[in-house]
Amino acid sequence: MPDFGPRWIIKEPLGKGGQGRTFLVQDAQDQKLIRVAKVLNSPDPDRKRRFLQEIEVTKGFSHSFVVRSLDSGETEKSRWPYFVMPYYELGTLEANYQDLGTPVDRLRLFLAICEGVDYAHTRGLIHRDLKPANIFMASRHHPVVGDFGLCYRADEDIESRMTQTSEAVGARKYMPPEWREGRTDNPQATGDIYSLGKILYWMFRGRVYDGHEDDHVTDQPIFKTNSVLENQVPRPPDRWLLANSIAHELVKQTVLKNAATRVDSTANLISHVQAGIDRFEFGGRVLDFNLPKPCVFCGRGTYQLPPNFPFPTLNQRKAGADDRFKALTGFVKNFLGIGNQAGNIIPIALVCEVCGNVQYFRFDLTRDKTGDNWNP
C-alpha cells in the first residue's frame, strides 16, 4: 500500500486504470471527510508526464461539472506522484445507466456534461478520452467530467506534443475516426464533440454506436430508444418521442465521419441542446400516431387542415373532406419535396376544430418521415 503521508489514511483500494491506482482515503483530522487518492502506477516517463499534467490542469479547475484536484504530493517511500480528488459515492455515469431517468432527464444531464467539456475547451484543453466511465455522478442530476490524463494542451511545446501524439489515446469506440486512424498531431474540439455524440447515443440506447458514422441517420434511428427505456420510466404519450427526436437530431450533428460537418464547438452544441430542452419544456410535440390528434390547448377538439388550405393542383383542390389528409400528403411529397431526394423540412399549420388553437407539425418527424401514417 502506498503511504500518502500523515494527512490521508487509506480506507480501501478502489481500482486500477491505465494511468494509476485509486484508493478511498480519509482525512486524519476530519474523519468524516472521505476522498479519493490517485497514484501513478508506472515507471514509464511519458505516463509520469501525463500524470503530472493531469495534476497541473485539474488543480486549476473551478467548475461544478469538472473534477478538481484538492491536494497532491509524492508517496513517502517510493516517491510516486499522487493527487486527491472528491469522492463520488454514486460512481460513474456508466454505472448509473438504469437511474438516468426519463429522456428529457438524460438531455439535461447531457447538457451539463457538455458544459463541463466546454469549460475545459475554453482553457485550451481537448479531453480526448470522453466516455461514460470517465464521467462521475455527484448526484443523480449532477455529472462531473473527470480523468484528464490523456488531455491535449494547446500551449504545450512542440517536443511534448510529438511525444504525446505518437501514442494511441482514448477509448476506441468513443474516439472520432481521425484519432482512430492516428491523425492526432493537432487534436480539435470537434473530436471531443464526436465523443459527446456517442455518449448521448449510449445514454439513450444503453450501448455504444460502433457502426459506420453516418448509418445511424437511416439504419439505426435513435427513435428505437422507446423500446429500450419504456420499461424503466413512465412514458407520457407523444412527449417521449419528442425528447427522443431531439436526441436523434443531436447525434446526427455530432457523430459524423467528416469533422468539418460536425457541430463546430461545444458552445454551439450547448446551444442546440438547450434549444431542444426549451422546445420540450414549452410544449412542443412530435406526432407518431394517426391523426386526428387532440388539441393541446382545449383537449376537446382535434387538429385539422385550415378550410382554405391551398393545394397546388386542381384535383387536390377538389378533394372532399374525407380525402383532405391524403391530399395533404400528396402536396407535401410532390410539391415540398419531403419524402424524396429534396429533403426539405416544411412545418404545416393545423387548427383545432373547436377552439382554433394553431400548432405546427413536421412530416419529417413522423414515423416514416413522409406522412403516410397520417390517416384521417
Protein backbone atom coordinates (compact mmCIF):
# COMPACT_ATOMS: atom_id res chain seq x y z
CA MET A 1 0.00 0.00 0.00
CA PRO A 2 1.30 3.49 -0.79
CA ASP A 3 1.86 5.96 2.03
CA PHE A 4 0.19 9.32 1.38
CA GLY A 5 1.68 10.99 4.41
CA PRO A 6 0.14 11.96 7.74
CA ARG A 7 -2.97 13.64 6.35
CA TRP A 8 -4.55 10.88 4.25
CA ILE A 9 -5.34 7.44 5.71
CA ILE A 10 -6.15 4.65 3.26
CA LYS A 11 -9.51 3.01 3.88
CA GLU A 12 -9.61 0.62 0.91
CA PRO A 13 -8.36 0.22 -2.68
CA LEU A 14 -10.87 1.17 -5.38
CA GLY A 15 -9.34 0.10 -8.64
CA LYS A 16 -6.58 0.27 -11.21
CA GLY A 17 -6.58 2.12 -14.52
CA GLY A 18 -4.18 2.92 -17.32
CA GLN A 19 -2.66 5.89 -15.52
CA GLY A 20 -2.76 4.86 -11.87
CA ARG A 21 -4.35 3.15 -8.90
CA THR A 22 -7.10 4.74 -6.81
CA PHE A 23 -7.76 4.44 -3.10
CA LEU A 24 -10.52 5.60 -0.80
CA VAL A 25 -8.85 7.80 1.81
CA GLN A 26 -9.90 9.54 5.00
CA ASP A 27 -8.73 12.88 6.36
CA ALA A 28 -6.80 12.22 9.59
CA GLN A 29 -8.10 15.40 11.21
CA ASP A 30 -11.68 15.24 9.94
CA GLN A 31 -12.60 11.59 9.72
CA LYS A 32 -15.93 12.41 8.06
CA LEU A 33 -14.04 13.78 5.09
CA ILE A 34 -13.72 10.98 2.54
CA ARG A 35 -11.78 11.49 -0.66
CA VAL A 36 -10.16 9.50 -3.49
CA ALA A 37 -6.38 9.41 -3.94
CA LYS A 38 -4.97 8.52 -7.35
CA VAL A 39 -1.31 7.45 -7.53
CA LEU A 40 0.83 6.73 -10.59
CA ASN A 41 1.45 3.01 -11.14
CA SER A 42 4.03 3.01 -13.94
CA PRO A 43 7.72 3.98 -14.23
CA ASP A 44 7.19 4.98 -17.87
CA PRO A 45 8.37 8.61 -18.25
CA ASP A 46 5.57 9.52 -20.68
CA ARG A 47 2.96 8.20 -18.27
CA LYS A 48 4.55 10.17 -15.48
CA ARG A 49 4.49 13.30 -17.60
CA ARG A 50 0.80 12.75 -18.34
CA PHE A 51 0.06 12.12 -14.68
CA LEU A 52 1.79 15.31 -13.60
CA GLN A 53 -0.06 17.16 -16.35
CA GLU A 54 -3.37 15.84 -15.02
CA ILE A 55 -2.48 17.17 -11.58
CA GLU A 56 -1.46 20.54 -13.00
CA VAL A 57 -4.57 21.12 -15.10
CA THR A 58 -7.13 19.84 -12.59
CA LYS A 59 -5.84 21.81 -9.62
CA GLY A 60 -6.72 24.98 -11.52
CA PHE A 61 -10.29 23.96 -12.30
CA SER A 62 -13.21 25.74 -10.69
CA HIS A 63 -16.35 24.46 -12.40
CA SER A 64 -19.22 22.48 -10.96
CA PHE A 65 -19.19 19.91 -13.79
CA VAL A 66 -15.43 19.28 -13.91
CA VAL A 67 -13.34 17.33 -11.40
CA ARG A 68 -10.78 19.27 -9.36
CA SER A 69 -7.56 18.20 -7.67
CA LEU A 70 -7.77 19.06 -3.95
CA ASP A 71 -4.29 18.03 -2.83
CA SER A 72 -1.19 16.46 -4.35
CA GLY A 73 2.28 15.25 -3.45
CA GLU A 74 4.55 12.20 -3.52
CA THR A 75 4.24 8.95 -1.59
CA GLU A 76 6.58 8.77 1.41
CA LYS A 77 8.77 5.81 0.39
CA SER A 78 8.51 5.24 -3.34
CA ARG A 79 8.11 8.93 -4.25
CA TRP A 80 5.30 8.20 -6.68
CA PRO A 81 3.23 11.29 -7.53
CA TYR A 82 -0.38 11.30 -6.35
CA PHE A 83 -3.32 13.65 -6.11
CA VAL A 84 -6.53 13.72 -4.12
CA MET A 85 -9.95 14.47 -5.60
CA PRO A 86 -13.57 14.36 -4.37
CA TYR A 87 -15.24 11.03 -3.75
CA TYR A 88 -18.39 10.48 -5.81
CA GLU A 89 -20.32 7.81 -3.99
CA LEU A 90 -22.68 7.13 -6.89
CA GLY A 91 -19.76 6.19 -9.11
CA THR A 92 -19.63 6.84 -12.84
CA LEU A 93 -22.22 7.64 -15.48
CA GLU A 94 -21.59 4.17 -16.89
CA ALA A 95 -22.59 2.55 -13.60
CA ASN A 96 -25.79 4.60 -13.37
CA TYR A 97 -27.46 3.89 -16.70
CA GLN A 98 -30.56 2.41 -15.08
CA ASP A 99 -31.04 5.57 -12.97
CA LEU A 100 -30.65 8.28 -15.60
CA GLY A 101 -34.40 8.95 -15.64
CA THR A 102 -36.66 9.98 -18.49
CA PRO A 103 -35.40 11.00 -21.93
CA VAL A 104 -35.59 14.70 -21.04
CA ASP A 105 -33.70 13.97 -17.78
CA ARG A 106 -30.99 12.48 -19.96
CA LEU A 107 -30.95 15.53 -22.19
CA ARG A 108 -30.47 17.80 -19.17
CA LEU A 109 -27.71 15.53 -17.88
CA PHE A 110 -26.05 15.62 -21.29
CA LEU A 111 -26.28 19.42 -21.30
CA ALA A 112 -24.33 19.54 -18.01
CA ILE A 113 -21.67 17.20 -19.42
CA CYS A 114 -21.30 19.47 -22.46
CA GLU A 115 -20.90 22.47 -20.16
CA GLY A 116 -18.09 20.71 -18.31
CA VAL A 117 -16.30 19.84 -21.56
CA ASP A 118 -16.82 23.38 -22.84
CA TYR A 119 -15.13 24.73 -19.71
CA ALA A 120 -12.08 22.59 -20.49
CA HIS A 121 -12.11 23.75 -24.11
CA THR A 122 -12.12 27.41 -23.06
CA ARG A 123 -8.92 26.67 -21.12
CA GLY A 124 -7.19 25.27 -24.20
CA LEU A 125 -7.72 21.59 -23.32
CA ILE A 126 -9.02 18.78 -25.51
CA HIS A 127 -10.09 15.89 -23.29
CA ARG A 128 -9.54 13.05 -25.83
CA ASP A 129 -10.89 10.31 -23.56
CA LEU A 130 -14.57 11.15 -23.12
CA LYS A 131 -16.69 8.11 -22.25
CA PRO A 132 -19.31 7.22 -19.60
CA ALA A 133 -16.66 5.60 -17.38
CA ASN A 134 -14.82 8.94 -17.12
CA ILE A 135 -17.85 10.95 -16.02
CA PHE A 136 -18.66 10.84 -12.31
CA MET A 137 -22.03 11.40 -10.65
CA ALA A 138 -22.05 13.86 -7.76
CA SER A 139 -25.80 13.28 -7.62
CA ARG A 140 -28.39 11.80 -9.92
CA HIS A 141 -28.60 15.06 -11.91
CA HIS A 142 -25.05 16.35 -11.41
CA PRO A 143 -22.33 14.89 -13.66
CA VAL A 144 -18.64 15.68 -13.27
CA VAL A 145 -16.23 15.26 -16.19
CA GLY A 146 -13.05 13.61 -14.95
CA ASP A 147 -9.88 11.74 -15.96
CA PHE A 148 -7.86 14.34 -17.83
CA GLY A 149 -4.79 12.11 -18.02
CA LEU A 150 -4.88 11.99 -21.83
CA CYS A 151 -5.86 15.58 -22.45
CA TYR A 152 -4.14 17.69 -25.09
CA ARG A 153 -2.92 21.15 -24.17
CA ALA A 154 -2.76 23.75 -26.91
CA ASP A 155 0.05 25.58 -25.09
CA GLU A 156 2.45 22.60 -24.95
CA ASP A 157 5.82 22.86 -26.64
CA ILE A 158 6.45 21.00 -29.89
CA GLU A 159 8.65 18.29 -28.34
CA SER A 160 5.99 17.39 -25.79
CA ARG A 161 3.33 17.29 -28.49
CA MET A 162 5.35 14.89 -30.61
CA THR A 163 5.73 12.52 -27.69
CA GLN A 164 2.09 12.84 -26.82
CA THR A 165 0.65 12.38 -30.28
CA SER A 166 2.76 9.32 -31.07
CA GLU A 167 0.61 7.31 -28.65
CA ALA A 168 -2.81 5.80 -29.21
CA VAL A 169 -5.20 7.67 -26.97
CA GLY A 170 -8.77 7.41 -25.80
CA ALA A 171 -11.47 4.76 -25.82
CA ARG A 172 -11.66 3.45 -29.39
CA LYS A 173 -15.45 3.10 -29.52
CA TYR A 174 -15.90 6.73 -28.48
CA MET A 175 -12.94 8.07 -30.46
CA PRO A 176 -13.52 10.03 -33.69
CA PRO A 177 -12.28 8.42 -36.93
CA GLU A 178 -9.39 10.85 -37.36
CA TRP A 179 -7.96 9.83 -33.98
CA ARG A 180 -8.52 6.13 -34.58
CA GLU A 181 -6.53 6.49 -37.79
CA GLY A 182 -3.63 8.10 -35.92
CA ARG A 183 -4.17 11.70 -37.04
CA THR A 184 -3.57 13.15 -33.58
CA ASP A 185 -0.91 15.75 -34.30
CA ASN A 186 -3.35 18.63 -33.80
CA PRO A 187 -6.50 17.44 -31.98
CA GLN A 188 -9.53 19.68 -32.40
CA ALA A 189 -12.60 20.31 -30.26
CA THR A 190 -14.70 18.53 -32.89
CA GLY A 191 -13.05 15.28 -31.79
CA ASP A 192 -14.48 15.69 -28.29
CA ILE A 193 -17.81 16.70 -29.86
CA TYR A 194 -17.89 13.40 -31.75
CA SER A 195 -17.29 11.56 -28.46
CA LEU A 196 -20.07 13.55 -26.78
CA GLY A 197 -22.47 12.48 -29.53
CA LYS A 198 -21.59 8.84 -28.89
CA ILE A 199 -22.10 9.35 -25.16
CA LEU A 200 -25.57 10.74 -25.90
CA TYR A 201 -26.35 7.75 -28.10
CA TRP A 202 -25.25 5.44 -25.28
CA MET A 203 -27.41 7.37 -22.79
CA PHE A 204 -30.48 6.69 -24.94
CA ARG A 205 -29.67 3.22 -26.24
CA GLY A 206 -27.64 1.61 -23.48
CA ARG A 207 -24.92 0.55 -25.90
CA VAL A 208 -22.13 2.16 -27.90
CA TYR A 209 -22.85 3.03 -31.50
CA ASP A 210 -19.93 1.40 -33.31
CA GLY A 211 -21.06 1.19 -36.92
CA HIS A 212 -20.25 3.46 -39.81
CA GLU A 213 -20.53 7.01 -38.60
CA ASP A 214 -23.40 8.02 -40.90
CA ASP A 215 -25.53 4.86 -40.63
CA HIS A 216 -27.45 5.98 -37.55
CA VAL A 217 -29.30 8.55 -39.66
CA THR A 218 -31.09 5.81 -41.60
CA ASP A 219 -30.28 2.31 -40.39
CA GLN A 220 -30.18 2.80 -36.63
CA PRO A 221 -32.58 5.64 -35.78
CA ILE A 222 -32.43 6.74 -32.18
CA PHE A 223 -36.25 6.65 -32.11
CA LYS A 224 -35.87 2.97 -31.23
CA THR A 225 -34.89 4.08 -27.74
CA ASN A 226 -38.60 3.98 -26.87
CA SER A 227 -38.37 0.19 -26.67
CA VAL A 228 -35.20 0.44 -24.56
CA LEU A 229 -36.41 2.92 -21.96
CA GLU A 230 -40.17 2.46 -21.73
CA ASN A 231 -39.87 -0.33 -19.16
CA GLN A 232 -37.71 1.81 -16.85
CA VAL A 233 -39.69 5.05 -16.51
CA PRO A 234 -43.28 6.17 -17.22
CA ARG A 235 -43.92 7.15 -20.80
CA PRO A 236 -46.28 10.10 -21.31
CA PRO A 237 -47.88 9.98 -24.79
CA ASP A 238 -46.00 11.91 -27.50
CA ARG A 239 -43.63 13.63 -25.08
CA TRP A 240 -41.25 10.69 -25.01
CA LEU A 241 -40.98 10.72 -28.77
CA LEU A 242 -40.18 14.44 -28.74
CA ALA A 243 -37.22 14.02 -26.37
CA ASN A 244 -36.01 11.07 -28.43
CA SER A 245 -36.27 13.06 -31.65
CA ILE A 246 -34.23 15.89 -30.10
CA ALA A 247 -31.51 13.41 -29.12
CA HIS A 248 -31.65 11.90 -32.61
CA GLU A 249 -31.05 15.31 -34.20
CA LEU A 250 -28.11 15.97 -31.87
CA VAL A 251 -26.50 12.63 -32.73
CA LYS A 252 -26.94 13.42 -36.42
CA GLN A 253 -24.98 16.64 -35.93
CA THR A 254 -22.10 15.17 -33.93
CA VAL A 255 -21.40 11.52 -34.81
CA LEU A 256 -20.16 12.23 -38.32
CA LYS A 257 -17.07 10.89 -40.03
CA ASN A 258 -16.16 14.23 -41.57
CA ALA A 259 -15.06 16.54 -38.75
CA ALA A 260 -15.91 19.61 -40.82
CA THR A 261 -19.61 18.65 -40.87
CA ARG A 262 -19.97 18.27 -37.08
CA VAL A 263 -21.15 20.98 -34.73
CA ASP A 264 -18.03 23.13 -34.64
CA SER A 265 -17.80 23.98 -30.92
CA THR A 266 -19.08 22.82 -27.55
CA ALA A 267 -20.61 26.28 -27.08
CA ASN A 268 -22.76 25.75 -30.18
CA LEU A 269 -23.57 22.19 -29.10
CA ILE A 270 -24.76 23.54 -25.74
CA SER A 271 -26.96 25.99 -27.62
CA HIS A 272 -28.51 23.16 -29.67
CA VAL A 273 -29.12 21.01 -26.59
CA GLN A 274 -30.66 23.91 -24.66
CA ALA A 275 -32.91 24.76 -27.61
CA GLY A 276 -34.14 21.17 -27.67
CA ILE A 277 -34.84 21.18 -23.93
CA ASP A 278 -36.65 24.53 -24.27
CA ARG A 279 -38.74 23.06 -27.05
CA PHE A 280 -39.71 20.20 -24.78
CA GLU A 281 -40.48 22.41 -21.77
CA PHE A 282 -42.61 24.82 -23.81
CA GLY A 283 -44.87 22.04 -25.02
CA GLY A 284 -43.50 21.12 -28.41
CA ARG A 285 -44.91 17.92 -29.84
CA VAL A 286 -43.96 15.29 -32.37
CA LEU A 287 -46.63 13.15 -33.99
CA ASP A 288 -46.05 9.45 -34.35
CA PHE A 289 -49.64 8.26 -34.27
CA ASN A 290 -52.57 8.57 -36.64
CA LEU A 291 -54.36 11.87 -37.00
CA PRO A 292 -56.53 13.49 -35.85
CA LYS A 293 -54.57 14.47 -32.74
CA PRO A 294 -56.28 16.00 -29.67
CA CYS A 295 -55.76 19.71 -29.11
CA VAL A 296 -53.07 20.52 -26.54
CA PHE A 297 -54.95 23.69 -25.51
CA CYS A 298 -58.61 22.74 -25.02
CA GLY A 299 -58.33 18.95 -25.12
CA ARG A 300 -61.77 18.68 -26.79
CA GLY A 301 -61.09 19.29 -30.44
CA THR A 302 -58.67 17.76 -32.92
CA TYR A 303 -56.23 19.38 -35.30
CA GLN A 304 -57.48 19.74 -38.86
CA LEU A 305 -56.32 21.45 -42.03
CA PRO A 306 -57.42 25.08 -42.38
CA PRO A 307 -60.55 25.21 -44.58
CA ASN A 308 -58.81 27.31 -47.25
CA PHE A 309 -55.57 25.33 -47.41
CA PRO A 310 -54.14 26.00 -50.93
CA PHE A 311 -53.37 22.69 -52.59
CA PRO A 312 -51.18 23.06 -55.67
CA THR A 313 -53.23 21.01 -58.14
CA LEU A 314 -56.80 21.27 -59.29
CA ASN A 315 -57.57 17.68 -58.30
CA GLN A 316 -56.31 18.32 -54.80
CA ARG A 317 -58.40 21.50 -54.56
CA LYS A 318 -61.49 19.48 -55.48
CA ALA A 319 -60.75 16.82 -52.89
CA GLY A 320 -63.57 16.22 -50.42
CA ALA A 321 -63.25 16.49 -46.68
CA ASP A 322 -62.68 12.75 -46.29
CA ASP A 323 -59.64 12.95 -48.58
CA ARG A 324 -58.05 16.13 -47.26
CA PHE A 325 -55.25 14.39 -45.40
CA LYS A 326 -54.45 12.20 -48.36
CA ALA A 327 -54.31 15.35 -50.46
CA LEU A 328 -52.03 16.98 -47.88
CA THR A 329 -49.69 14.02 -48.03
CA GLY A 330 -49.54 14.29 -51.81
CA PHE A 331 -48.91 18.02 -51.55
CA VAL A 332 -46.03 17.54 -49.15
CA LYS A 333 -44.40 14.73 -51.10
CA ASN A 334 -44.79 16.17 -54.60
CA PHE A 335 -44.56 19.91 -54.05
CA LEU A 336 -42.44 20.48 -50.95
CA GLY A 337 -40.10 17.56 -51.55
CA ILE A 338 -40.45 15.80 -48.17
CA GLY A 339 -40.05 12.06 -48.67
CA ASN A 340 -37.93 12.42 -51.81
CA GLN A 341 -34.38 13.48 -52.57
CA ALA A 342 -35.07 17.16 -51.92
CA GLY A 343 -35.43 16.50 -48.20
CA ASN A 344 -36.90 19.90 -47.33
CA ILE A 345 -38.31 20.42 -43.85
CA ILE A 346 -41.57 22.37 -44.06
CA PRO A 347 -43.81 22.67 -40.99
CA ILE A 348 -47.56 22.51 -41.65
CA ALA A 349 -50.04 24.57 -39.60
CA LEU A 350 -53.10 22.68 -38.36
CA VAL A 351 -56.04 24.25 -36.49
CA CYS A 352 -58.15 22.86 -33.64
CA GLU A 353 -61.74 22.48 -34.91
CA VAL A 354 -63.15 23.56 -31.52
CA CYS A 355 -61.00 26.38 -30.07
CA GLY A 356 -58.90 27.41 -33.05
CA ASN A 357 -55.52 26.69 -31.43
CA VAL A 358 -52.84 26.51 -34.10
CA GLN A 359 -49.92 24.09 -33.97
CA TYR A 360 -47.13 23.47 -36.48
CA PHE A 361 -46.39 19.86 -37.35
CA ARG A 362 -43.43 18.43 -39.28
CA PHE A 363 -43.88 15.46 -41.57
CA ASP A 364 -40.18 14.62 -41.34
CA LEU A 365 -40.68 13.74 -37.66
CA THR A 366 -43.47 11.23 -38.26
CA ARG A 367 -42.70 7.54 -38.16
CA ASP A 368 -41.85 7.14 -41.84
CA LYS A 369 -40.85 10.79 -42.41
CA THR A 370 -43.34 11.17 -45.29
CA GLY A 371 -46.70 11.44 -43.55
CA ASP A 372 -48.05 8.19 -45.00
CA ASN A 373 -49.05 7.05 -41.50
CA TRP A 374 -51.18 10.17 -41.00
CA ASN A 375 -54.63 8.75 -41.67
CA PRO A 376 -57.87 10.71 -41.02
